[in-house]
Structures are given as structure tokens and as C-alpha cells.
Amino acid sequence: MREVILRQKQEKEKILKTAYVPREVSKNIEKYVQSDIIKVVTGIRRCGKSVFCFMALRNIGFAYVNFD
């Protein structure tokens, strides 16, 4: 379990260091990230939901664990 979490931490750090094309929706996400209300990001498979969340949270400390 520890090895899996460490590997996922490295994956998160790699994604956060990668440059991505800014999307229109990214401009307004900051105000939503700051509230304590739970957010749900939905979409079809492989459309970039995880990367979108990483980019939205990149300036905030957060933990990431993938249970797939």
C-alpha cells in the first residue's frame, strides 16, 4: 500500500510540473475551489477530468490517491 501511494505521489508531482494548454473553464475555477462545498467533476472516459482537477488544485495543498 505504501509503495502504491508513493508511486501515485510521484505521478501527481509529474502531472503538476507538465505544461498544459489553459482552458476557458480554468479561468473561473478558482472561486469554486475556495468553498467548502463538495465538487463533482464528471465526463466521459479519458477526457481529462483528473488533469483538470490537478490544475484546479495546483496552488492548494492536496492529497491524491487513485483507487482504480
Protein backbone atom coordinates (compact mmCIF):
# COMPACT_ATOMS: atom_id res chain seq x y z
CA MET A 1 0.00 0.00 0.00
CA ARG A 2 2.80 2.39 0.91
CA GLU A 3 4.55 1.76 -2.41
CA VAL A 4 1.34 2.44 -4.32
CA ILE A 5 0.77 5.73 -2.51
CA LEU A 6 4.37 6.83 -3.08
CA ARG A 7 4.12 5.97 -6.78
CA GLN A 8 0.89 7.96 -7.06
CA LYS A 9 2.53 10.89 -5.28
CA GLN A 10 5.26 10.87 -7.93
CA GLU A 11 2.60 10.70 -10.65
CA LYS A 12 0.83 13.73 -9.14
CA GLU A 13 4.08 15.71 -8.99
CA LYS A 14 4.88 14.82 -12.60
CA ILE A 15 1.45 15.96 -13.79
CA LEU A 16 1.72 19.24 -11.87
CA LYS A 17 5.11 20.01 -13.47
CA THR A 18 3.82 19.45 -17.00
CA ALA A 19 2.70 22.47 -19.03
CA TYR A 20 -0.84 22.24 -20.37
CA VAL A 21 -2.93 24.41 -22.66
CA PRO A 22 -5.10 26.64 -20.45
CA ARG A 23 -8.81 26.01 -20.96
CA GLU A 24 -11.62 28.56 -20.82
CA VAL A 25 -13.22 26.88 -17.81
CA SER A 26 -9.93 27.07 -15.88
CA LYS A 27 -10.21 30.85 -15.60
CA ASN A 28 -13.25 30.69 -13.30
CA ILE A 29 -12.41 27.60 -11.27
CA GLU A 30 -10.50 29.46 -8.52
CA LYS A 31 -13.65 30.86 -6.89
CA TYR A 32 -15.24 27.41 -6.76
CA VAL A 33 -12.17 25.68 -5.36
CA GLN A 34 -12.07 28.00 -2.34
CA SER A 35 -15.51 27.00 -0.98
CA ASP A 36 -16.02 24.05 1.39
CA ILE A 37 -18.82 22.58 -0.71
CA ILE A 38 -18.05 19.20 -2.29
CA LYS A 39 -17.40 19.38 -6.02
CA VAL A 40 -18.07 16.62 -8.55
CA VAL A 41 -16.27 16.56 -11.90
CA THR A 42 -17.95 14.33 -14.46
CA GLY A 43 -17.26 13.45 -18.07
CA ILE A 44 -16.66 10.65 -20.49
CA ARG A 45 -13.67 8.36 -20.06
CA ARG A 46 -10.23 9.86 -20.79
CA CYS A 47 -11.48 13.41 -21.31
CA GLY A 48 -9.04 14.96 -18.81
CA LYS A 49 -11.02 15.05 -15.57
CA SER A 50 -8.03 14.14 -13.39
CA VAL A 51 -5.69 16.60 -15.09
CA PHE A 52 -8.37 19.30 -14.83
CA CYS A 53 -8.64 18.65 -11.08
CA PHE A 54 -4.86 18.68 -10.65
CA MET A 55 -4.64 22.01 -12.46
CA ALA A 56 -7.54 23.48 -10.45
CA LEU A 57 -5.89 22.45 -7.18
CA ARG A 58 -2.25 23.08 -8.11
CA ASN A 59 -1.96 26.15 -5.82
CA ILE A 60 -3.57 24.37 -2.88
CA GLY A 61 -2.02 21.53 -0.92
CA PHE A 62 -3.98 18.34 -1.56
CA ALA A 63 -3.63 14.60 -1.32
CA TYR A 64 -4.25 12.22 -4.21
CA VAL A 65 -4.99 8.51 -4.04
CA ASN A 66 -6.32 6.58 -7.02
CA PHE A 67 -8.39 3.51 -6.09
CA ASP A 68 -8.74 2.15 -9.64
